[in-house]
Every structure is written in structure tokens, then in C-alpha cells.
């Protein structure tokens, strides 16, 4: 083999080694879970929650305090997806709402809460309202369908009156059952009698019910 060929091979080898080193040193940008969950990029994980312009400084403070009131395992789940969320405020019903957009490679959420109530007669329900709405986002983004089915099976259902006009209590829909129970688990059962307003019966043990969520939190990459 002549010198020109040897020199070309040496250059090629250097390029390959440099490329391999670059790949080994590059942190994974996206962690994708099961196909029915959202992929979260490193940038999204690091971003933290966003607030719409209309959210007053005082409301931002108690919203962040509500997030911080959750148990550590719940805070880890929240931290994984809070960069996908924009918080907004309104006045009047509903007490809280969560809108989601889940695509093949993107996910985003808008959580909107009624500050007329949560800054008025229902200040004691700030934490559970916020964590209930965050439960919806966690449900959509992080909890696989099979795990969700197991969690729902652990929530007492009772008998729903088919003539009922309000989907609460035994008639609450599955996403509301999850969000309500997630909030109770996140707050270790320290909630008011009214709570987020869905009247879902608590499992016999919130600790046992939330064990799959704690395991999921432990499997997430470091923030």
C-alpha cells in the first residue's frame, strides 16, 4: 500500500475515532417510554414550568408552593414534565382544567385554574387542585396504559346512577379518578373534604396504590 493510501486511511481513522468520541460524550436528548407515553427531551426536562403573562406574581408563588407541597416521588414525576406545561388563570368555573396536545414527537399542556375561588373561599384547596390538574398531565405523558388500568382497578368505584347528570363520585370518568387519587397520594391524604370536587373514593391504602408511580419516578433519568 503506498504512502497516499496510508495517509488517507490515517485521516479516515481519525475521523471515525473523533466521531465515536463525540457520540459517547453526547448526552441523550430524548428519553422515550412506551408508545402510549410522551418523549421528553433533555431541554424540556430542564426547562421548568412556564406562566402565561396574565398570571400575577402572587399566584405564581402559591402555584409553585403547591408543586413543592407534593411528596418527593410525585415531585420527581412533576419535574419530568413541567417543562411541557404552561400555567394560566381565569375567573369562574371550572375550578381547574387541563388541555393536552400529544403528538408523535411532541407534547404540551395548558393548566388553567380559577383564581377567583382559589384566592377566595377555597384557598385551602389550592394544593389539591393544582396536583389534580398535574395528575392529568402525568397520566397522559408518563403513565403507560397497562399501569393506568392497574391503578384504576385499585380505586373503589361503587355503583353509578345512570341518570346522574354530574360525573363525580362513582360516576367519575377514569382520567378524573386517576387525577383525584394522584393528588391525594401526592399530598399523603392531607386534603379537604371538598378536594378537587370529584368525590372519588380513596383506595384502602394510598401508599400501596401509589407504589407503581413511585417506581416509575425512580426509573426516570436525573433532572
Protein backbone atom coordinates (compact mmCIF):
# COMPACT_ATOMS: atom_id res chain seq x y z
CA UNK A 1 0.00 0.00 0.00
CA UNK A 2 1.52 3.39 -0.98
CA UNK A 3 2.01 6.43 1.25
CA UNK A 4 -1.02 8.23 -0.21
CA UNK A 5 -3.26 5.31 0.67
CA UNK A 6 -1.77 5.04 4.15
CA UNK A 7 -2.28 8.76 4.74
CA UNK A 8 -5.91 8.52 3.60
CA UNK A 9 -6.55 5.61 5.94
CA UNK A 10 -5.00 7.52 8.82
CA UNK A 11 -7.25 10.53 8.18
CA UNK A 12 -10.31 8.28 7.92
CA UNK A 13 -9.42 6.53 11.16
CA UNK A 14 -9.02 9.87 12.93
CA UNK A 15 -12.43 11.00 11.70
CA UNK A 16 -14.06 7.77 12.87
CA UNK A 17 -12.42 7.98 16.31
CA UNK A 18 -13.41 11.64 16.69
CA UNK A 19 -16.98 10.87 15.66
CA UNK A 20 -17.21 7.98 18.11
CA UNK A 21 -15.86 10.15 20.91
CA UNK A 22 -18.44 12.80 20.10
CA UNK A 23 -21.25 10.25 20.24
CA UNK A 24 -20.01 8.79 23.52
CA UNK A 25 -19.76 12.25 25.08
CA UNK A 26 -23.15 13.44 23.94
CA UNK A 27 -25.96 13.14 26.49
CA UNK A 28 -29.16 11.51 25.20
CA UNK A 29 -31.51 14.24 24.04
CA UNK A 30 -34.75 12.32 24.37
CA UNK A 31 -35.96 9.60 26.68
CA UNK A 32 -38.86 7.73 25.13
CA UNK A 33 -41.03 5.40 27.16
CA UNK A 34 -43.78 3.09 25.98
CA UNK A 35 -45.54 4.17 22.77
CA UNK A 36 -48.55 5.48 24.69
CA UNK A 37 -46.42 7.97 26.64
CA UNK A 38 -44.62 11.16 25.61
CA UNK A 39 -40.94 11.51 24.77
CA UNK A 40 -39.33 14.24 26.89
CA UNK A 41 -36.17 15.95 25.68
CA UNK A 42 -33.33 16.98 27.96
CA UNK A 43 -34.12 20.63 27.23
CA UNK A 44 -37.78 20.15 28.15
CA UNK A 45 -36.82 18.32 31.33
CA UNK A 46 -34.57 21.19 32.37
CA UNK A 47 -36.95 23.98 31.38
CA UNK A 48 -39.35 24.09 34.33
CA UNK A 49 -42.94 25.38 34.25
CA UNK A 50 -44.00 28.41 32.24
CA UNK A 51 -46.58 31.02 33.23
CA UNK A 52 -48.78 32.98 30.91
CA UNK A 53 -48.47 36.76 31.07
CA UNK A 54 -51.76 37.16 32.95
CA UNK A 55 -50.60 35.06 35.94
CA UNK A 56 -49.93 37.51 38.77
CA UNK A 57 -46.73 37.21 40.79
CA UNK A 58 -48.67 36.23 43.91
CA UNK A 59 -50.46 33.46 42.03
CA UNK A 60 -47.19 32.17 40.62
CA UNK A 61 -45.85 31.96 44.17
CA UNK A 62 -48.66 29.81 45.54
CA UNK A 63 -48.74 27.65 42.40
CA UNK A 64 -45.06 26.83 42.83
CA UNK A 65 -45.66 26.25 46.55
CA UNK A 66 -48.40 23.77 45.65
CA UNK A 67 -45.99 21.86 43.42
CA UNK A 68 -43.44 21.84 46.23
CA UNK A 69 -46.02 20.51 48.70
CA UNK A 70 -46.11 17.12 46.96
CA UNK A 71 -44.24 14.09 48.23
CA UNK A 72 -40.76 13.61 46.69
CA UNK A 73 -41.85 10.83 44.32
CA UNK A 74 -44.66 13.00 42.96
CA UNK A 75 -42.29 15.96 42.65
CA UNK A 76 -39.98 13.81 40.52
CA UNK A 77 -42.87 12.96 38.17
CA UNK A 78 -43.83 16.62 38.01
CA UNK A 79 -40.24 17.68 37.32
CA UNK A 80 -40.11 15.31 34.36
CA UNK A 81 -42.97 17.05 32.54
CA UNK A 82 -43.32 20.57 34.00
CA UNK A 83 -41.27 21.96 31.11
CA UNK A 84 -44.16 20.90 28.85
CA UNK A 85 -46.70 22.93 30.83
CA UNK A 86 -47.94 26.50 30.65
CA UNK A 87 -49.98 27.67 33.64
CA UNK A 88 -52.82 30.10 33.10
CA UNK A 89 -55.56 31.65 35.25
CA UNK A 90 -59.21 32.55 34.79
CA UNK A 91 -62.16 33.58 36.95
CA UNK A 92 -65.18 31.34 37.38
CA UNK A 93 -65.91 27.68 36.62
CA UNK A 94 -64.29 25.29 36.20
CA UNK A 95 -62.04 25.25 39.24
CA UNK A 96 -59.28 23.80 37.07
CA UNK A 97 -58.80 22.39 33.60
CA UNK A 98 -56.01 20.71 31.67
CA UNK A 99 -55.70 20.78 27.90
CA UNK A 100 -53.18 18.50 26.25
CA UNK A 101 -51.62 18.05 22.84
CA UNK A 102 -49.78 14.75 22.37
CA UNK A 103 -48.05 14.04 19.07
CA UNK A 104 -45.54 11.51 17.81
CA UNK A 105 -42.59 13.65 18.95
CA UNK A 106 -44.14 16.49 20.92
CA UNK A 107 -46.33 17.00 23.96
CA UNK A 108 -47.66 20.15 25.59
CA UNK A 109 -50.17 21.01 28.28
CA UNK A 110 -52.08 24.07 29.45
CA UNK A 111 -53.27 24.05 33.06
CA UNK A 112 -55.80 26.76 33.81
CA UNK A 113 -57.11 27.46 37.34
CA UNK A 114 -59.86 29.67 38.75
CA UNK A 115 -58.13 32.29 40.88
CA UNK A 116 -61.43 33.86 41.92
CA UNK A 117 -62.10 30.75 44.02
CA UNK A 118 -58.54 29.76 44.89
CA UNK A 119 -57.74 33.26 46.10
CA UNK A 120 -61.10 33.48 47.83
CA UNK A 121 -63.23 30.92 49.64
CA UNK A 122 -61.20 27.92 48.51
CA UNK A 123 -57.62 28.80 49.35
CA UNK A 124 -57.34 25.52 51.29
CA UNK A 125 -57.93 23.64 48.04
CA UNK A 126 -55.05 25.21 46.10
CA UNK A 127 -52.71 22.25 46.54
CA UNK A 128 -55.13 19.51 45.61
CA UNK A 129 -56.49 21.49 42.65
CA UNK A 130 -53.02 22.07 41.24
CA UNK A 131 -51.94 18.47 41.84
CA UNK A 132 -55.18 17.13 40.39
CA UNK A 133 -54.53 19.03 37.16
CA UNK A 134 -50.87 17.98 37.16
CA UNK A 135 -52.15 14.42 37.58
CA UNK A 136 -53.86 14.73 34.21
CA UNK A 137 -50.60 15.77 32.56
CA UNK A 138 -48.63 12.98 34.26
CA UNK A 139 -51.32 10.47 33.29
CA UNK A 140 -51.13 11.45 29.61
CA UNK A 141 -47.37 11.91 29.38
CA UNK A 142 -45.82 9.30 31.67
CA UNK A 143 -48.18 6.52 32.74
CA UNK A 144 -48.44 3.55 30.36
CA UNK A 145 -51.96 2.30 29.65
CA UNK A 146 -51.36 -1.03 31.41
CA UNK A 147 -50.19 0.71 34.58
CA UNK A 148 -53.12 3.11 34.37
CA UNK A 149 -55.54 0.17 34.19
CA UNK A 150 -53.98 -1.40 37.29
CA UNK A 151 -54.17 1.92 39.16
CA UNK A 152 -57.81 2.42 38.21
CA UNK A 153 -58.64 -1.09 39.39
CA UNK A 154 -57.26 -0.10 42.80
CA UNK A 155 -59.72 2.80 43.21
CA UNK A 156 -63.11 1.77 44.66
CA UNK A 157 -65.84 2.51 42.16
CA UNK A 158 -69.22 1.76 43.68
CA UNK A 159 -72.42 1.95 41.67
CA UNK A 160 -73.04 4.84 39.30
CA UNK A 161 -76.59 6.10 38.90
CA UNK A 162 -77.09 6.06 35.14
CA UNK A 163 -79.43 9.03 35.48
CA UNK A 164 -76.75 11.13 37.16
CA UNK A 165 -76.01 14.44 35.45
CA UNK A 166 -72.70 15.03 37.24
CA UNK A 167 -69.76 12.74 36.54
CA UNK A 168 -68.48 12.67 40.10
CA UNK A 169 -68.08 10.02 42.79
CA UNK A 170 -68.88 6.58 41.40
CA UNK A 171 -69.72 8.18 38.06
CA UNK A 172 -66.39 9.99 37.65
CA UNK A 173 -64.57 9.18 34.43
CA UNK A 174 -61.29 7.25 34.52
CA UNK A 175 -59.00 10.28 33.94
CA UNK A 176 -60.67 12.13 36.82
CA UNK A 177 -60.38 9.09 39.06
CA UNK A 178 -56.66 8.96 38.38
CA UNK A 179 -56.08 12.70 38.80
CA UNK A 180 -58.09 12.87 42.03
CA UNK A 181 -56.30 9.89 43.56
CA UNK A 182 -52.90 11.08 42.33
CA UNK A 183 -53.46 14.37 44.16
CA UNK A 184 -54.41 12.55 47.37
CA UNK A 185 -51.37 10.28 47.09
CA UNK A 186 -49.08 13.22 46.33
CA UNK A 187 -50.36 15.03 49.43
CA UNK A 188 -50.30 11.88 51.59
CA UNK A 189 -54.06 12.14 52.10
CA UNK A 190 -53.86 15.64 53.58
CA UNK A 191 -56.81 17.10 51.66
CA UNK A 192 -60.00 18.90 52.49
CA UNK A 193 -63.41 17.25 52.44
CA UNK A 194 -64.25 19.01 49.18
CA UNK A 195 -60.89 18.43 47.50
CA UNK A 196 -60.87 18.95 43.75
CA UNK A 197 -64.61 18.37 43.64
CA UNK A 198 -64.89 14.87 42.16
CA UNK A 199 -65.66 12.94 45.34
CA UNK A 200 -63.71 9.86 44.26
CA UNK A 201 -63.40 7.22 47.00
CA UNK A 202 -59.84 6.74 48.17
CA UNK A 203 -58.15 3.33 47.92
CA UNK A 204 -57.75 1.42 51.21
CA UNK A 205 -54.06 2.39 51.18
CA UNK A 206 -52.79 5.39 49.24
CA UNK A 207 -49.24 4.12 49.77
CA UNK A 208 -49.95 0.79 48.11
CA UNK A 209 -51.95 2.43 45.34
CA UNK A 210 -49.14 4.85 44.53
CA UNK A 211 -46.33 2.26 44.62
CA UNK A 212 -46.29 1.91 40.79
CA UNK A 213 -45.98 5.69 40.48
CA UNK A 214 -43.11 5.73 42.97
CA UNK A 215 -41.40 3.00 40.94
CA UNK A 216 -41.96 4.99 37.74
CA UNK A 217 -40.43 8.08 39.37
CA UNK A 218 -37.37 6.06 40.41
CA UNK A 219 -36.82 4.93 36.81
CA UNK A 220 -36.77 8.44 35.35
CA UNK A 221 -33.43 9.99 34.35
CA UNK A 222 -31.89 12.55 36.65
CA UNK A 223 -33.28 16.03 36.19
